[in-house]
Amino acid sequence: MSAKLKVIHSCTSLSFSGLERYVLDLAGWQRANGYDAELFCRKDSELERAASLRGIPVWTIGARDRKGPLLWARMRGGWRRRLETAAESGVPLVLHMHAGGEPWFHLPWLLARPKVLVKTILQYHLWINHRKRDPVHRLIFSRVDEVWSSSESSRAHLSAILPVDREKMRVVPYGRDVRALLEPAENAAPAEGARSELGLAPDDLVGVCVSRIEPIKGIGELFDAFAEIAPEHPRAKLLLVGDVSPGNAEAETFARALHERHERLPWDVRGRFRFLGYRPRCEEIMTAADFYVLPSYEECMSLAMLDALILGLPVLGTNSGGTPSVARPGETGWLVPPRDRAALARALDGVFTALERDPRALAPFSSAARALGSTFERETIFRRVWEMYDE
């Protein structure tokens, strides 16, 4: 493995959720281990602020800058300096792009493909369904050396819709800080303390979902499913951790309607479906739960789901995207069809019924979840990522 590379991570998102945190984590690990990495992102974004706090060099564009000739002209100087430095130092560049739209920001340099830009990588963190077969799209992908995705199912999906040879596609699992998750963080409460802080009784039966509140995440179906089965399970509770993405008008409308419906629930159900909002340390809440729920319509690979797995929570997920590679029926969890409220209600009913009959009913699932979760240790995966840059 050679350290004689400089990696530019490109992530122009204005959000700060799983994708952006992962980019930050990867670049931060590389810097901490002596590798040369910097971040191309938007000025004054949460990602830029967090990167600066962690000592990651940043190369920024404006919050409202759009890809196109005007932006490319402003970026020319930044690219020229990096290319000249690479040529003079003999340290080549790798461009690691973290979303489907990122190549458009670097299009002139992808097309020109300077000799010192030795590898270009496009990593998909979101499940996409669009098909683009126009000549420009094909030309862009001809300048991308590798397409990375987080599971075999996502690679198969991408190979069916993108103009990319399958041999250029690689499965690169996400790395998580398994040891930090399993070792109680400073001032973090154990499960009993977490339950107490959340106002949960020791014998409550608790599911948790960490998600943005928007329709595609299946939160509407989860709300309806729990409202349907909750009267039959008086000790059942469901915690929803997360909020609406900034600037998403559709999600804001959806969230308002959901909160209004929540207010109309019978009082004995309303208090048991709890909106906890955004929490920076979701794992502390996960320790208070018995199982994890991921009702998304399409999810490439949920990082919160991986953290739940590492913590030993069985996963009730939808049979779509990369989720089936983690929520394995009869082993680490259960699967239901996406968008299927009735199936989700039946699955929730089954899990709560099992826990009512035997509080240890999920123990075998938890053991299998921890074992699978341990395979996502970031030290091993992140070192392998650096090796792949140099291959």
Protein backbone atom coordinates (compact mmCIF):
# COMPACT_ATOMS: atom_id res chain seq x y z
CA MET A 1 0.00 0.00 0.00
CA SER A 2 1.50 3.30 -1.06
CA ALA A 3 0.98 6.56 0.83
CA LYS A 4 2.25 8.49 -2.20
CA LEU A 5 -1.15 9.59 -3.37
CA LYS A 6 -3.34 12.61 -2.79
CA VAL A 7 -7.08 11.96 -2.65
CA ILE A 8 -9.68 14.63 -3.35
CA HIS A 9 -13.06 13.65 -1.88
CA SER A 10 -15.86 15.43 -3.73
CA CYS A 11 -19.19 15.90 -1.91
CA THR A 12 -21.19 19.04 -2.75
CA SER A 13 -24.29 18.13 -0.73
CA LEU A 14 -25.80 20.76 1.56
CA SER A 15 -27.24 18.11 3.90
CA PHE A 16 -25.40 16.57 6.82
CA SER A 17 -26.73 13.06 7.28
CA GLY A 18 -25.35 9.58 6.71
CA LEU A 19 -23.65 10.20 3.36
CA GLU A 20 -21.87 13.38 4.44
CA ARG A 21 -20.86 11.96 7.80
CA TYR A 22 -19.37 8.93 6.07
CA VAL A 23 -17.31 11.10 3.71
CA LEU A 24 -16.11 13.06 6.73
CA ASP A 25 -15.26 9.86 8.60
CA LEU A 26 -13.34 8.38 5.66
CA ALA A 27 -11.35 11.54 4.92
CA GLY A 28 -10.70 12.08 8.63
CA TRP A 29 -9.40 8.54 9.07
CA GLN A 30 -7.10 8.96 6.08
CA ARG A 31 -5.66 12.20 7.48
CA ALA A 32 -5.25 10.70 10.96
CA ASN A 33 -3.31 7.79 9.47
CA GLY A 34 -0.87 9.97 7.60
CA TYR A 35 -2.46 9.91 4.16
CA ASP A 36 -2.97 13.02 2.05
CA ALA A 37 -6.70 13.70 1.65
CA GLU A 38 -8.74 16.84 1.17
CA LEU A 39 -12.43 17.62 0.74
CA PHE A 40 -14.14 19.45 -2.12
CA CYS A 41 -17.45 20.74 -0.71
CA ARG A 42 -19.67 23.80 -0.37
CA LYS A 43 -18.66 26.82 1.65
CA ASP A 44 -20.45 27.30 4.96
CA SER A 45 -22.02 23.85 4.79
CA GLU A 46 -22.14 21.65 7.89
CA LEU A 47 -19.73 19.34 6.10
CA GLU A 48 -17.17 22.13 5.65
CA ARG A 49 -17.48 23.21 9.27
CA ALA A 50 -17.09 19.65 10.55
CA ALA A 51 -14.12 19.00 8.25
CA SER A 52 -12.37 22.15 9.44
CA LEU A 53 -12.83 21.12 13.07
CA ARG A 54 -11.19 17.77 12.28
CA GLY A 55 -8.27 19.37 10.48
CA ILE A 56 -9.25 18.15 7.01
CA PRO A 57 -8.18 20.61 4.28
CA VAL A 58 -11.16 21.88 2.31
CA TRP A 59 -11.55 23.25 -1.21
CA THR A 60 -14.90 25.01 -1.45
CA ILE A 61 -17.41 26.37 -3.91
CA GLY A 62 -20.33 28.62 -3.02
CA ALA A 63 -23.49 27.28 -1.42
CA ARG A 64 -25.52 28.24 -4.50
CA ASP A 65 -22.95 27.57 -7.23
CA ARG A 66 -24.29 25.44 -10.04
CA LYS A 67 -22.26 23.18 -12.28
CA GLY A 68 -21.55 24.72 -15.67
CA PRO A 69 -19.10 26.97 -17.55
CA LEU A 70 -19.13 29.83 -15.01
CA LEU A 71 -18.29 27.53 -12.12
CA TRP A 72 -15.71 25.62 -14.17
CA ALA A 73 -13.98 28.92 -14.95
CA ARG A 74 -13.80 29.74 -11.22
CA MET A 75 -12.54 26.25 -10.42
CA ARG A 76 -9.78 26.37 -13.04
CA GLY A 77 -7.24 27.95 -10.72
CA GLY A 78 -7.84 25.37 -7.98
CA TRP A 79 -7.45 22.47 -10.34
CA ARG A 80 -4.37 24.00 -11.99
CA ARG A 81 -2.60 24.41 -8.63
CA ARG A 82 -3.33 20.84 -7.64
CA LEU A 83 -2.25 19.41 -10.98
CA GLU A 84 0.97 21.43 -11.00
CA THR A 85 1.79 20.41 -7.42
CA ALA A 86 1.14 16.77 -8.27
CA ALA A 87 3.42 16.94 -11.32
CA GLU A 88 6.23 18.70 -9.43
CA SER A 89 6.08 16.45 -6.36
CA GLY A 90 5.49 13.21 -8.19
CA VAL A 91 2.46 12.54 -5.95
CA PRO A 92 -0.46 11.71 -8.27
CA LEU A 93 -4.12 12.54 -7.65
CA VAL A 94 -7.16 10.35 -7.07
CA LEU A 95 -10.62 11.92 -7.43
CA HIS A 96 -13.14 10.13 -5.19
CA MET A 97 -16.65 11.41 -6.00
CA HIS A 98 -19.44 10.61 -3.57
CA ALA A 99 -22.68 11.13 -5.52
CA GLY A 100 -24.01 10.67 -9.03
CA GLY A 101 -23.92 14.40 -9.79
CA GLU A 102 -20.33 15.00 -8.69
CA PRO A 103 -18.69 14.29 -12.10
CA TRP A 104 -20.45 17.35 -13.53
CA PHE A 105 -18.52 19.63 -11.18
CA HIS A 106 -15.21 18.27 -12.49
CA LEU A 107 -16.26 17.62 -16.08
CA PRO A 108 -13.52 19.60 -17.92
CA TRP A 109 -10.80 17.78 -16.01
CA LEU A 110 -12.44 14.39 -16.40
CA LEU A 111 -12.63 14.94 -20.15
CA ALA A 112 -9.07 16.29 -20.44
CA ARG A 113 -7.85 13.62 -18.00
CA PRO A 114 -4.44 15.02 -17.03
CA LYS A 115 -1.72 12.40 -16.66
CA VAL A 116 -1.29 13.04 -12.93
CA LEU A 117 -4.99 12.28 -12.28
CA VAL A 118 -4.37 8.55 -12.05
CA LYS A 119 -7.78 7.31 -10.87
CA THR A 120 -11.38 8.57 -10.79
CA ILE A 121 -13.98 6.86 -8.62
CA LEU A 122 -17.72 7.45 -8.48
CA GLN A 123 -19.30 6.04 -5.33
CA TYR A 124 -23.08 5.73 -5.06
CA HIS A 125 -24.48 6.13 -1.56
CA LEU A 126 -28.12 6.46 -2.67
CA TRP A 127 -30.34 4.08 -4.59
CA ILE A 128 -31.02 5.50 -8.06
CA ASN A 129 -33.49 4.45 -10.74
CA HIS A 130 -32.89 6.90 -13.59
CA ARG A 131 -31.62 5.71 -16.96
CA LYS A 132 -29.39 8.00 -18.98
CA ARG A 133 -28.18 6.80 -22.33
CA ASP A 134 -27.36 10.10 -24.02
CA PRO A 135 -23.87 10.46 -25.54
CA VAL A 136 -22.70 12.99 -22.92
CA HIS A 137 -23.62 10.61 -20.10
CA ARG A 138 -21.71 7.80 -21.80
CA LEU A 139 -18.75 10.10 -22.32
CA ILE A 140 -18.67 11.02 -18.64
CA PHE A 141 -18.69 7.40 -17.55
CA SER A 142 -15.94 6.60 -20.03
CA ARG A 143 -13.76 8.90 -17.90
CA VAL A 144 -14.71 7.22 -14.61
CA ASP A 145 -12.36 4.38 -13.79
CA GLU A 146 -14.46 2.64 -11.16
CA VAL A 147 -18.01 2.76 -9.80
CA TRP A 148 -18.32 1.73 -6.15
CA SER A 149 -21.45 0.59 -4.33
CA SER A 150 -22.09 -0.83 -0.88
CA SER A 151 -23.66 -4.21 -1.68
CA GLU A 152 -23.88 -6.83 -4.38
CA SER A 153 -27.53 -5.99 -4.96
CA SER A 154 -26.72 -2.31 -5.55
CA ARG A 155 -23.91 -3.25 -7.93
CA ALA A 156 -26.29 -5.48 -9.91
CA HIS A 157 -28.84 -2.66 -10.01
CA LEU A 158 -26.33 -0.05 -11.15
CA SER A 159 -24.90 -2.34 -13.82
CA ALA A 160 -28.41 -2.65 -15.30
CA ILE A 161 -29.06 1.09 -15.57
CA LEU A 162 -25.68 2.77 -16.10
CA PRO A 163 -23.52 2.75 -19.24
CA VAL A 164 -20.67 1.13 -17.32
CA ASP A 165 -18.95 -2.21 -17.85
CA ARG A 166 -19.59 -4.53 -14.91
CA GLU A 167 -15.85 -5.12 -14.44
CA LYS A 168 -15.51 -1.41 -13.59
CA MET A 169 -17.96 -1.82 -10.69
CA ARG A 170 -16.81 -2.85 -7.24
CA VAL A 171 -18.57 -3.64 -3.99
CA VAL A 172 -17.00 -1.62 -1.19
CA PRO A 173 -18.72 -2.12 2.17
CA TYR A 174 -19.02 0.77 4.57
CA GLY A 175 -16.59 0.93 7.45
CA ARG A 176 -17.92 1.71 10.92
CA ASP A 177 -16.05 2.34 14.15
CA VAL A 178 -17.15 -0.94 15.70
CA ARG A 179 -14.92 -0.66 18.75
CA ALA A 180 -16.12 2.85 19.59
CA LEU A 181 -19.75 1.78 19.27
CA LEU A 182 -19.30 -1.24 21.50
CA GLU A 183 -17.20 0.50 24.14
CA PRO A 184 -19.47 2.86 26.09
CA ALA A 185 -18.52 6.41 25.20
CA GLU A 186 -17.60 8.80 27.96
CA ASN A 187 -20.72 9.80 29.91
CA ALA A 188 -22.88 7.41 27.83
CA ALA A 189 -25.45 5.51 29.86
CA PRO A 190 -25.90 1.74 29.65
CA ALA A 191 -29.19 0.35 28.39
CA GLU A 192 -30.99 0.80 31.71
CA GLY A 193 -29.81 4.39 32.02
CA ALA A 194 -30.77 5.18 28.44
CA ARG A 195 -34.27 3.84 29.06
CA SER A 196 -34.57 5.87 32.21
CA GLU A 197 -33.49 9.08 30.43
CA LEU A 198 -36.06 8.44 27.71
CA GLY A 199 -38.83 7.75 30.22
CA LEU A 200 -39.06 4.07 29.26
CA ALA A 201 -39.94 1.36 31.75
CA PRO A 202 -37.60 -1.65 32.09
CA ASP A 203 -40.28 -3.95 30.69
CA ASP A 204 -41.30 -1.75 27.74
CA LEU A 205 -40.94 -3.37 24.31
CA VAL A 206 -39.10 -0.87 22.16
CA GLY A 207 -38.43 -0.48 18.45
CA VAL A 208 -36.30 2.36 17.07
CA CYS A 209 -36.01 3.93 13.62
CA VAL A 210 -33.37 6.51 12.66
CA SER A 211 -34.44 8.33 9.53
CA ARG A 212 -35.17 11.61 7.85
CA ILE A 213 -38.89 12.30 7.93
CA GLU A 214 -39.96 12.09 4.31
CA PRO A 215 -42.28 9.84 2.28
CA ILE A 216 -39.59 7.76 0.53
CA LYS A 217 -38.27 6.65 3.90
CA GLY A 218 -41.50 4.76 4.58
CA ILE A 219 -42.25 6.75 7.73
CA GLY A 220 -45.93 7.06 6.78
CA GLU A 221 -46.30 3.29 6.52
CA LEU A 222 -44.43 2.82 9.81
CA PHE A 223 -46.72 5.30 11.57
CA ASP A 224 -49.85 3.59 10.21
CA ALA A 225 -48.57 0.09 10.99
CA PHE A 226 -47.75 0.94 14.60
CA ALA A 227 -51.06 2.79 15.10
CA GLU A 228 -52.86 -0.34 13.90
CA ILE A 229 -51.16 -2.87 16.17
CA ALA A 230 -50.39 -0.72 19.23
CA PRO A 231 -53.79 -1.26 20.96
CA GLU A 232 -53.02 -5.00 21.12
CA HIS A 233 -49.59 -4.41 22.66
CA PRO A 234 -49.85 -1.95 25.57
CA ARG A 235 -46.11 -2.19 26.40
CA ALA A 236 -45.01 -1.55 22.80
CA LYS A 237 -43.25 1.70 21.98
CA LEU A 238 -41.63 3.05 18.83
CA LEU A 239 -38.97 5.77 18.80
CA LEU A 240 -38.39 7.82 15.65
CA VAL A 241 -35.04 9.63 15.63
CA GLY A 242 -34.55 12.22 12.92
CA ASP A 243 -36.03 15.32 11.36
CA VAL A 244 -36.87 16.86 7.99
CA SER A 245 -34.06 17.65 5.54
CA PRO A 246 -33.51 21.43 5.29
CA GLY A 247 -35.17 23.02 2.28
CA ASN A 248 -37.22 19.95 1.34
CA ALA A 249 -40.70 21.44 0.91
CA GLU A 250 -42.36 18.10 0.17
CA ALA A 251 -40.88 16.55 3.31
CA GLU A 252 -41.89 19.55 5.43
CA THR A 253 -45.50 19.24 4.25
CA PHE A 254 -45.42 15.49 4.90
CA ALA A 255 -43.99 15.98 8.40
CA ARG A 256 -46.61 18.58 9.35
CA ALA A 257 -49.40 16.25 8.25
CA LEU A 258 -47.83 13.36 10.15
CA HIS A 259 -47.60 15.37 13.37
CA GLU A 260 -51.23 16.45 12.95
CA ARG A 261 -52.29 12.81 12.55
CA HIS A 262 -50.22 11.93 15.59
CA GLU A 263 -52.16 14.46 17.66
CA ARG A 264 -55.41 12.75 16.64
CA LEU A 265 -54.34 9.29 17.82
CA PRO A 266 -55.98 7.87 20.96
CA TRP A 267 -54.05 9.08 24.00
CA ASP A 268 -52.88 5.57 24.95
CA VAL A 269 -51.27 5.12 21.50
CA ARG A 270 -50.08 8.68 20.89
CA GLY A 271 -47.57 8.63 23.74
CA ARG A 272 -46.04 5.40 22.53
CA PHE A 273 -45.07 6.58 19.03
CA ARG A 274 -42.44 9.15 19.92
CA PHE A 275 -40.79 11.77 17.69
CA LEU A 276 -37.36 12.37 19.21
CA GLY A 277 -36.04 14.72 16.52
CA TYR A 278 -32.42 14.97 15.49
CA ARG A 279 -29.93 13.43 17.92
CA PRO A 280 -26.16 13.58 17.30
CA ARG A 281 -25.52 10.27 19.08
CA CYS A 282 -28.20 7.87 17.90
CA GLU A 283 -26.33 4.86 19.30
CA GLU A 284 -27.15 5.93 22.85
CA ILE A 285 -30.85 5.71 22.00
CA MET A 286 -30.34 2.40 20.18
CA THR A 287 -29.05 0.84 23.39
CA ALA A 288 -32.51 1.41 24.87
CA ALA A 289 -34.27 -0.57 22.08
CA ASP A 290 -35.02 -4.22 21.44
CA PHE A 291 -34.96 -4.02 17.64
CA TYR A 292 -34.42 -1.64 14.74
CA VAL A 293 -36.89 -0.73 11.94
CA LEU A 294 -35.93 0.46 8.45
CA PRO A 295 -39.11 0.98 6.35
CA SER A 296 -37.47 2.81 3.39
CA TYR A 297 -38.77 2.25 -0.11
CA GLU A 298 -35.21 2.05 -1.46
CA GLU A 299 -32.07 2.26 0.64
CA CYS A 300 -28.61 1.68 -0.78
CA MET A 301 -27.19 0.94 2.68
CA SER A 302 -28.30 2.67 5.86
CA LEU A 303 -25.37 3.56 8.11
CA ALA A 304 -27.69 3.80 11.11
CA MET A 305 -28.86 0.27 10.31
CA LEU A 306 -25.24 -0.93 10.36
CA ASP A 307 -24.70 0.76 13.73
CA ALA A 308 -27.84 -0.92 15.07
CA LEU A 309 -26.55 -4.26 13.81
CA ILE A 310 -23.19 -3.73 15.53
CA LEU A 311 -25.05 -2.98 18.78
CA GLY A 312 -26.92 -6.26 18.45
CA LEU A 313 -30.33 -4.99 17.34
CA PRO A 314 -32.20 -7.29 14.94
CA VAL A 315 -33.41 -5.39 11.88
CA LEU A 316 -36.96 -5.28 10.51
CA GLY A 317 -36.40 -3.88 7.03
CA THR A 318 -37.85 -3.71 3.55
CA ASN A 319 -36.86 -6.15 0.85
CA SER A 320 -35.23 -3.53 -1.35
CA GLY A 321 -31.90 -1.93 -2.05
CA GLY A 322 -28.99 -3.18 0.02
CA THR A 323 -31.08 -3.89 3.14
CA PRO A 324 -31.53 -7.66 2.47
CA SER A 325 -27.76 -8.14 2.73
CA VAL A 326 -28.02 -7.10 6.39
CA ALA A 327 -31.59 -7.91 7.51
CA ARG A 328 -31.39 -11.64 6.84
CA PRO A 329 -34.71 -13.42 7.54
CA GLY A 330 -34.49 -15.93 10.36
CA GLU A 331 -30.93 -14.87 11.16
CA THR A 332 -30.45 -11.16 11.83
CA GLY A 333 -33.99 -9.89 11.23
CA TRP A 334 -37.05 -9.84 9.03
CA LEU A 335 -38.01 -8.45 5.62
CA VAL A 336 -41.30 -7.05 4.32
CA PRO A 337 -42.16 -5.60 0.89
CA PRO A 338 -41.58 -1.85 0.60
CA ARG A 339 -44.66 0.41 0.73
CA ASP A 340 -46.70 -2.43 2.27
CA ARG A 341 -48.31 -1.11 5.45
CA ALA A 342 -50.22 -4.32 6.12
CA ALA A 343 -47.10 -6.49 5.88
CA LEU A 344 -45.19 -4.10 8.13
CA ALA A 345 -48.03 -4.19 10.67
CA ARG A 346 -47.99 -8.00 10.68
CA ALA A 347 -44.22 -8.04 11.17
CA LEU A 348 -44.36 -5.54 14.04
CA ASP A 349 -47.17 -7.53 15.62
CA GLY A 350 -45.05 -10.69 15.36
CA VAL A 351 -41.99 -9.11 16.96
CA PHE A 352 -43.90 -7.54 19.84
CA THR A 353 -45.85 -10.78 20.42
CA ALA A 354 -42.61 -12.77 20.59
CA LEU A 355 -41.15 -10.33 23.12
CA GLU A 356 -44.32 -10.46 25.23
CA ARG A 357 -44.09 -14.24 25.38
CA ASP A 358 -40.38 -14.32 26.11
CA PRO A 359 -38.19 -11.25 26.78
CA ARG A 360 -35.20 -13.26 25.46
CA ALA A 361 -36.94 -14.23 22.22
CA LEU A 362 -34.65 -12.03 20.09
CA ALA A 363 -31.38 -13.17 21.71
CA PRO A 364 -30.34 -15.45 18.81
CA PHE A 365 -31.04 -12.65 16.33
CA SER A 366 -29.00 -10.24 18.45
CA SER A 367 -26.01 -12.57 18.55
CA ALA A 368 -26.10 -13.02 14.78
CA ALA A 369 -26.47 -9.26 14.31
CA ARG A 370 -23.36 -8.55 16.39
CA ALA A 371 -21.38 -11.17 14.50
CA LEU A 372 -22.33 -9.68 11.13
CA GLY A 373 -21.82 -6.15 12.42
CA SER A 374 -18.24 -6.94 13.42
CA THR A 375 -17.36 -7.48 9.74
CA PHE A 376 -17.82 -3.74 9.09
CA GLU A 377 -14.86 -2.65 11.26
CA ARG A 378 -13.60 0.50 9.60
CA GLU A 379 -9.90 -0.06 10.29
CA THR A 380 -9.85 -3.04 7.95
CA ILE A 381 -12.20 -1.55 5.36
CA PHE A 382 -10.61 1.91 5.24
CA ARG A 383 -7.14 0.42 4.81
CA ARG A 384 -8.50 -1.67 1.97
CA VAL A 385 -10.02 1.48 0.40
CA TRP A 386 -6.60 3.12 0.33
CA GLU A 387 -5.12 0.02 -1.29
CA MET A 388 -7.83 0.16 -3.95
CA TYR A 389 -6.85 3.72 -4.82
CA ASP A 390 -3.41 2.39 -5.77
CA GLU A 391 -4.53 -0.70 -7.71
